[in-house]
Amino acid sequence: MWKVDLVLELRNSDRMSVGELWVKEMNGDYLFSFKAQNISEEGIFVEKKMCASDQEPFSQLSFTLPNGKFIRNVTARIVRQDKKGAAYEFLNMSEEMRLELKRYLVASQLKGTA
C-alpha cells in the first residue's frame, strides 16, 4: 500500500512576491526580524524562520509596505513551516490596515510588480 502526503493550499487570495520588506516579530520576550518573501491579504511568508519551542503560539508582526504604509502589531500565528521559512496567518488586522494592504496589493498587480 502506498502512502501519499498531500499538501492542500487553502488560500482565499493570491500571494505576491515582495522586494525588501522586513518583518519585526514580537513573541513574549523575543524580538526577531525576518525578510518577507511574499504577502497576501491573509498572511505573510518570512524567510529563514524556525520556530523556537518556548515561543508563544501567537506573535505580533509589524512591517512597512514598499509604498510607505505601516502595518503594526498584527496578531499572527504560524500556519506552515519548512526549511525555507514560515507562513503566518493574520488574525486581528484592523479594517484600516487591511484596506492599506489591499490597496498596495491591487496597485502592485496593476503595475505588474510588487
N, C-alpha and C. Protein backbone atom coordinates (compact mmCIF):
# COMPACT_ATOMS: atom_id res chain seq x y z
N MET A 1 0.84 -1.18 0.00
CA MET A 1 0.00 0.00 0.00
C MET A 1 0.89 1.24 0.00
N TRP A 2 0.53 2.22 -0.82
CA TRP A 2 1.31 3.45 -0.95
C TRP A 2 0.77 4.51 -0.02
N LYS A 3 1.69 5.26 0.58
CA LYS A 3 1.29 6.38 1.41
C LYS A 3 1.62 7.66 0.65
N VAL A 4 0.65 8.52 0.50
CA VAL A 4 0.83 9.77 -0.22
C VAL A 4 0.48 10.92 0.71
N ASP A 5 1.42 11.85 0.88
CA ASP A 5 1.15 13.04 1.68
C ASP A 5 0.74 14.17 0.75
N LEU A 6 -0.42 14.72 0.98
CA LEU A 6 -0.91 15.83 0.17
C LEU A 6 -0.87 17.11 0.98
N VAL A 7 -0.44 18.18 0.36
CA VAL A 7 -0.47 19.49 0.98
C VAL A 7 -1.52 20.29 0.25
N LEU A 8 -2.55 20.66 0.97
CA LEU A 8 -3.62 21.44 0.36
C LEU A 8 -3.34 22.93 0.54
N GLU A 9 -3.50 23.67 -0.52
CA GLU A 9 -3.35 25.12 -0.47
C GLU A 9 -4.71 25.72 -0.18
N LEU A 10 -4.91 26.23 1.01
CA LEU A 10 -6.20 26.77 1.43
C LEU A 10 -6.13 28.28 1.54
N ARG A 11 -5.95 28.95 0.43
CA ARG A 11 -5.82 30.40 0.42
C ARG A 11 -7.02 31.02 -0.26
N ASN A 12 -7.43 32.18 0.26
CA ASN A 12 -8.52 32.93 -0.37
C ASN A 12 -8.00 34.03 -1.28
N SER A 13 -6.70 34.32 -1.20
CA SER A 13 -6.14 35.38 -2.04
C SER A 13 -4.75 34.97 -2.52
N ASP A 14 -4.35 35.57 -3.61
CA ASP A 14 -3.05 35.26 -4.20
C ASP A 14 -1.93 35.89 -3.40
N ARG A 15 -0.78 35.20 -3.41
CA ARG A 15 0.42 35.73 -2.78
C ARG A 15 1.18 36.55 -3.80
N MET A 16 1.83 37.61 -3.32
CA MET A 16 2.67 38.45 -4.18
C MET A 16 4.07 38.48 -3.61
N SER A 17 5.04 38.34 -4.48
CA SER A 17 6.44 38.48 -4.06
C SER A 17 6.68 39.91 -3.63
N VAL A 18 7.58 40.08 -2.68
CA VAL A 18 7.95 41.42 -2.22
C VAL A 18 9.45 41.57 -2.31
N GLY A 19 9.89 42.79 -2.54
CA GLY A 19 11.33 43.05 -2.63
C GLY A 19 11.96 43.08 -1.25
N GLU A 20 12.33 44.24 -0.80
CA GLU A 20 12.96 44.42 0.51
C GLU A 20 11.91 44.78 1.54
N LEU A 21 11.23 43.80 2.06
CA LEU A 21 10.23 44.02 3.10
C LEU A 21 10.67 43.21 4.31
N TRP A 22 10.95 43.89 5.41
CA TRP A 22 11.40 43.25 6.64
C TRP A 22 10.28 43.26 7.66
N VAL A 23 10.10 42.16 8.33
CA VAL A 23 9.03 41.97 9.31
C VAL A 23 9.65 41.87 10.70
N LYS A 24 9.13 42.69 11.63
CA LYS A 24 9.54 42.59 13.03
C LYS A 24 8.50 41.72 13.74
N GLU A 25 8.99 40.72 14.44
CA GLU A 25 8.11 39.82 15.18
C GLU A 25 8.40 39.94 16.66
N MET A 26 7.37 40.21 17.44
CA MET A 26 7.49 40.20 18.90
C MET A 26 6.73 38.98 19.40
N ASN A 27 7.42 38.20 20.23
CA ASN A 27 6.82 36.98 20.74
C ASN A 27 7.33 36.78 22.16
N GLY A 28 6.49 37.08 23.14
CA GLY A 28 6.94 37.00 24.54
C GLY A 28 8.11 37.94 24.74
N ASP A 29 9.22 37.41 25.23
CA ASP A 29 10.42 38.22 25.45
C ASP A 29 11.32 38.29 24.22
N TYR A 30 10.90 37.66 23.13
CA TYR A 30 11.71 37.61 21.92
C TYR A 30 11.34 38.74 20.96
N LEU A 31 12.34 39.27 20.26
CA LEU A 31 12.15 40.22 19.17
C LEU A 31 12.99 39.71 18.01
N PHE A 32 12.34 39.47 16.87
CA PHE A 32 13.02 38.94 15.69
C PHE A 32 12.79 39.88 14.52
N SER A 33 13.63 39.76 13.51
CA SER A 33 13.45 40.49 12.26
C SER A 33 13.74 39.52 11.12
N PHE A 34 12.79 39.41 10.19
CA PHE A 34 12.92 38.48 9.07
C PHE A 34 12.58 39.17 7.76
N LYS A 35 13.21 38.73 6.71
CA LYS A 35 12.90 39.23 5.37
C LYS A 35 11.68 38.47 4.86
N ALA A 36 10.70 39.21 4.36
CA ALA A 36 9.50 38.59 3.81
C ALA A 36 9.77 38.13 2.38
N GLN A 37 9.18 37.03 2.01
CA GLN A 37 9.29 36.51 0.65
C GLN A 37 8.05 36.86 -0.16
N ASN A 38 6.87 36.72 0.49
CA ASN A 38 5.63 37.07 -0.20
C ASN A 38 4.57 37.45 0.82
N ILE A 39 3.51 38.07 0.31
CA ILE A 39 2.44 38.57 1.17
C ILE A 39 1.11 38.42 0.45
N SER A 40 0.05 38.29 1.23
CA SER A 40 -1.31 38.27 0.70
C SER A 40 -2.19 39.01 1.69
N GLU A 41 -3.47 39.08 1.38
CA GLU A 41 -4.39 39.73 2.31
C GLU A 41 -4.51 38.96 3.62
N GLU A 42 -4.27 37.65 3.59
CA GLU A 42 -4.45 36.82 4.77
C GLU A 42 -3.18 36.54 5.55
N GLY A 43 -2.00 36.78 4.95
CA GLY A 43 -0.79 36.43 5.67
C GLY A 43 0.49 36.78 4.95
N ILE A 44 1.59 36.32 5.52
CA ILE A 44 2.91 36.66 5.01
C ILE A 44 3.85 35.48 5.24
N PHE A 45 4.80 35.28 4.30
CA PHE A 45 5.80 34.24 4.44
C PHE A 45 7.14 34.91 4.67
N VAL A 46 7.83 34.52 5.75
CA VAL A 46 9.15 35.08 6.05
C VAL A 46 10.21 34.00 5.87
N GLU A 47 11.37 34.43 5.40
CA GLU A 47 12.47 33.52 5.12
C GLU A 47 13.25 33.18 6.38
N LYS A 48 13.77 31.98 6.41
CA LYS A 48 14.72 31.51 7.44
C LYS A 48 14.18 31.58 8.86
N LYS A 49 12.89 31.44 9.03
CA LYS A 49 12.28 31.44 10.35
C LYS A 49 12.09 30.01 10.82
N MET A 50 12.65 29.69 11.95
CA MET A 50 12.43 28.40 12.57
C MET A 50 11.84 28.68 13.94
N CYS A 51 10.75 28.05 14.25
CA CYS A 51 10.02 28.31 15.49
C CYS A 51 10.76 27.71 16.68
N ALA A 52 10.98 28.53 17.69
CA ALA A 52 11.58 28.05 18.93
C ALA A 52 10.50 27.38 19.77
N SER A 53 10.83 26.31 20.43
CA SER A 53 9.83 25.54 21.16
C SER A 53 9.20 26.30 22.33
N ASP A 54 9.92 27.29 22.88
CA ASP A 54 9.36 28.01 24.02
C ASP A 54 8.68 29.32 23.62
N GLN A 55 8.45 29.51 22.31
CA GLN A 55 7.72 30.69 21.87
C GLN A 55 6.23 30.53 22.14
N GLU A 56 5.55 31.65 22.30
CA GLU A 56 4.10 31.66 22.42
C GLU A 56 3.51 31.28 21.07
N PRO A 57 2.27 30.77 21.02
CA PRO A 57 1.68 30.37 19.74
C PRO A 57 1.32 31.55 18.83
N PHE A 58 1.22 32.75 19.40
CA PHE A 58 0.85 33.92 18.62
C PHE A 58 1.95 34.97 18.73
N SER A 59 2.18 35.70 17.64
CA SER A 59 3.18 36.76 17.61
C SER A 59 2.52 38.06 17.18
N GLN A 60 3.21 39.16 17.44
CA GLN A 60 2.80 40.47 16.95
C GLN A 60 3.76 40.83 15.82
N LEU A 61 3.22 41.06 14.63
CA LEU A 61 4.04 41.41 13.47
C LEU A 61 3.86 42.87 13.12
N SER A 62 4.94 43.52 12.71
CA SER A 62 4.91 44.90 12.23
C SER A 62 5.83 45.00 11.03
N PHE A 63 5.41 45.78 10.02
CA PHE A 63 6.24 45.98 8.84
C PHE A 63 5.77 47.21 8.09
N THR A 64 6.64 47.71 7.22
CA THR A 64 6.32 48.84 6.37
C THR A 64 6.23 48.33 4.94
N LEU A 65 5.09 48.57 4.31
CA LEU A 65 4.91 48.18 2.91
C LEU A 65 5.83 49.01 2.02
N PRO A 66 6.19 48.53 0.85
CA PRO A 66 7.05 49.30 -0.05
C PRO A 66 6.48 50.68 -0.42
N ASN A 67 5.17 50.87 -0.28
CA ASN A 67 4.58 52.18 -0.56
C ASN A 67 4.65 53.13 0.64
N GLY A 68 5.31 52.69 1.73
CA GLY A 68 5.50 53.53 2.90
C GLY A 68 4.42 53.41 3.96
N LYS A 69 3.38 52.64 3.74
CA LYS A 69 2.30 52.47 4.72
C LYS A 69 2.72 51.45 5.78
N PHE A 70 2.40 51.77 7.04
CA PHE A 70 2.77 50.91 8.16
C PHE A 70 1.66 49.92 8.49
N ILE A 71 2.06 48.70 8.76
CA ILE A 71 1.17 47.67 9.30
C ILE A 71 1.79 47.32 10.65
N ARG A 72 1.06 47.59 11.74
CA ARG A 72 1.64 47.47 13.07
C ARG A 72 0.85 46.54 13.97
N ASN A 73 1.60 45.80 14.78
CA ASN A 73 1.05 45.00 15.87
C ASN A 73 -0.12 44.11 15.47
N VAL A 74 0.05 43.41 14.37
CA VAL A 74 -0.96 42.47 13.90
C VAL A 74 -0.69 41.13 14.57
N THR A 75 -1.68 40.59 15.25
CA THR A 75 -1.53 39.26 15.82
C THR A 75 -1.53 38.25 14.68
N ALA A 76 -0.58 37.32 14.73
CA ALA A 76 -0.45 36.32 13.68
C ALA A 76 -0.02 35.00 14.30
N ARG A 77 -0.27 33.94 13.57
CA ARG A 77 0.19 32.62 14.02
C ARG A 77 0.81 31.89 12.84
N ILE A 78 1.78 31.04 13.15
CA ILE A 78 2.43 30.25 12.11
C ILE A 78 1.46 29.14 11.69
N VAL A 79 1.20 29.07 10.39
CA VAL A 79 0.31 28.04 9.86
C VAL A 79 1.07 26.99 9.05
N ARG A 80 2.30 27.32 8.67
CA ARG A 80 3.12 26.38 7.92
C ARG A 80 4.58 26.75 8.12
N GLN A 81 5.42 25.74 8.23
CA GLN A 81 6.85 25.98 8.41
C GLN A 81 7.62 24.91 7.64
N ASP A 82 8.67 25.32 6.95
CA ASP A 82 9.55 24.37 6.29
C ASP A 82 10.98 24.91 6.39
N LYS A 83 11.91 24.27 5.71
CA LYS A 83 13.30 24.70 5.83
C LYS A 83 13.58 26.06 5.19
N LYS A 84 12.64 26.56 4.39
CA LYS A 84 12.80 27.88 3.77
C LYS A 84 12.32 29.01 4.67
N GLY A 85 11.39 28.72 5.58
CA GLY A 85 10.86 29.76 6.45
C GLY A 85 9.50 29.39 7.02
N ALA A 86 8.70 30.43 7.33
CA ALA A 86 7.41 30.20 7.98
C ALA A 86 6.33 31.10 7.38
N ALA A 87 5.14 30.54 7.28
CA ALA A 87 3.97 31.28 6.80
C ALA A 87 3.12 31.66 8.00
N TYR A 88 2.80 32.95 8.10
CA TYR A 88 1.95 33.46 9.16
C TYR A 88 0.57 33.81 8.61
N GLU A 89 -0.43 33.56 9.40
CA GLU A 89 -1.80 33.98 9.10
C GLU A 89 -2.10 35.19 9.98
N PHE A 90 -2.59 36.28 9.36
CA PHE A 90 -3.00 37.45 10.12
C PHE A 90 -4.32 37.14 10.81
N LEU A 91 -4.43 37.49 12.11
CA LEU A 91 -5.62 37.16 12.87
C LEU A 91 -6.48 38.36 13.23
N ASN A 92 -5.90 39.48 13.53
CA ASN A 92 -6.70 40.60 14.02
C ASN A 92 -6.38 41.92 13.35
N MET A 93 -6.08 41.90 12.08
CA MET A 93 -5.72 43.12 11.38
C MET A 93 -6.92 44.07 11.37
N SER A 94 -6.67 45.32 11.74
CA SER A 94 -7.75 46.31 11.74
C SER A 94 -8.24 46.53 10.31
N GLU A 95 -9.45 47.01 10.19
CA GLU A 95 -10.02 47.26 8.86
C GLU A 95 -9.18 48.30 8.11
N GLU A 96 -8.68 49.29 8.82
CA GLU A 96 -7.83 50.32 8.20
C GLU A 96 -6.55 49.71 7.63
N MET A 97 -5.88 48.86 8.43
CA MET A 97 -4.65 48.24 7.94
C MET A 97 -4.95 47.25 6.81
N ARG A 98 -6.06 46.52 6.90
CA ARG A 98 -6.43 45.58 5.85
C ARG A 98 -6.66 46.33 4.53
N LEU A 99 -7.31 47.51 4.61
CA LEU A 99 -7.52 48.31 3.39
C LEU A 99 -6.20 48.81 2.82
N GLU A 100 -5.28 49.23 3.68
CA GLU A 100 -3.95 49.67 3.20
C GLU A 100 -3.23 48.53 2.48
N LEU A 101 -3.29 47.34 3.07
CA LEU A 101 -2.65 46.19 2.46
C LEU A 101 -3.31 45.85 1.13
N LYS A 102 -4.63 45.88 1.08
CA LYS A 102 -5.36 45.59 -0.15
C LYS A 102 -5.03 46.62 -1.24
N ARG A 103 -4.97 47.90 -0.86
CA ARG A 103 -4.61 48.95 -1.84
C ARG A 103 -3.23 48.69 -2.42
N TYR A 104 -2.28 48.33 -1.55
CA TYR A 104 -0.93 48.05 -2.02
C TYR A 104 -0.93 46.86 -2.98
N LEU A 105 -1.61 45.78 -2.61
CA LEU A 105 -1.64 44.58 -3.45
C LEU A 105 -2.29 44.85 -4.80
N VAL A 106 -3.38 45.59 -4.81
CA VAL A 106 -4.07 45.91 -6.07
C VAL A 106 -3.19 46.80 -6.94
N ALA A 107 -2.60 47.84 -6.33
CA ALA A 107 -1.73 48.74 -7.10
C ALA A 107 -0.52 47.98 -7.68
N SER A 108 0.04 47.06 -6.90
CA SER A 108 1.17 46.27 -7.36
C SER A 108 0.77 45.36 -8.51
N GLN A 109 -0.41 44.78 -8.43
CA GLN A 109 -0.89 43.92 -9.53
C GLN A 109 -1.10 44.74 -10.80
N LEU A 110 -1.62 45.94 -10.64
CA LEU A 110 -1.86 46.79 -11.81
C LEU A 110 -0.54 47.19 -12.48
N LYS A 111 0.50 47.43 -11.65
CA LYS A 111 1.82 47.77 -12.18
C LYS A 111 2.54 46.55 -12.72
N GLY A 112 2.15 45.39 -12.22
CA GLY A 112 2.82 44.16 -12.63
C GLY A 112 4.03 43.82 -11.79
N THR A 113 4.23 44.57 -10.70
CA THR A 113 5.35 44.29 -9.79
C THR A 113 4.86 44.44 -8.36
N ALA A 114 5.59 43.86 -7.45
CA ALA A 114 5.28 44.00 -6.02
C ALA A 114 6.41 44.71 -5.33
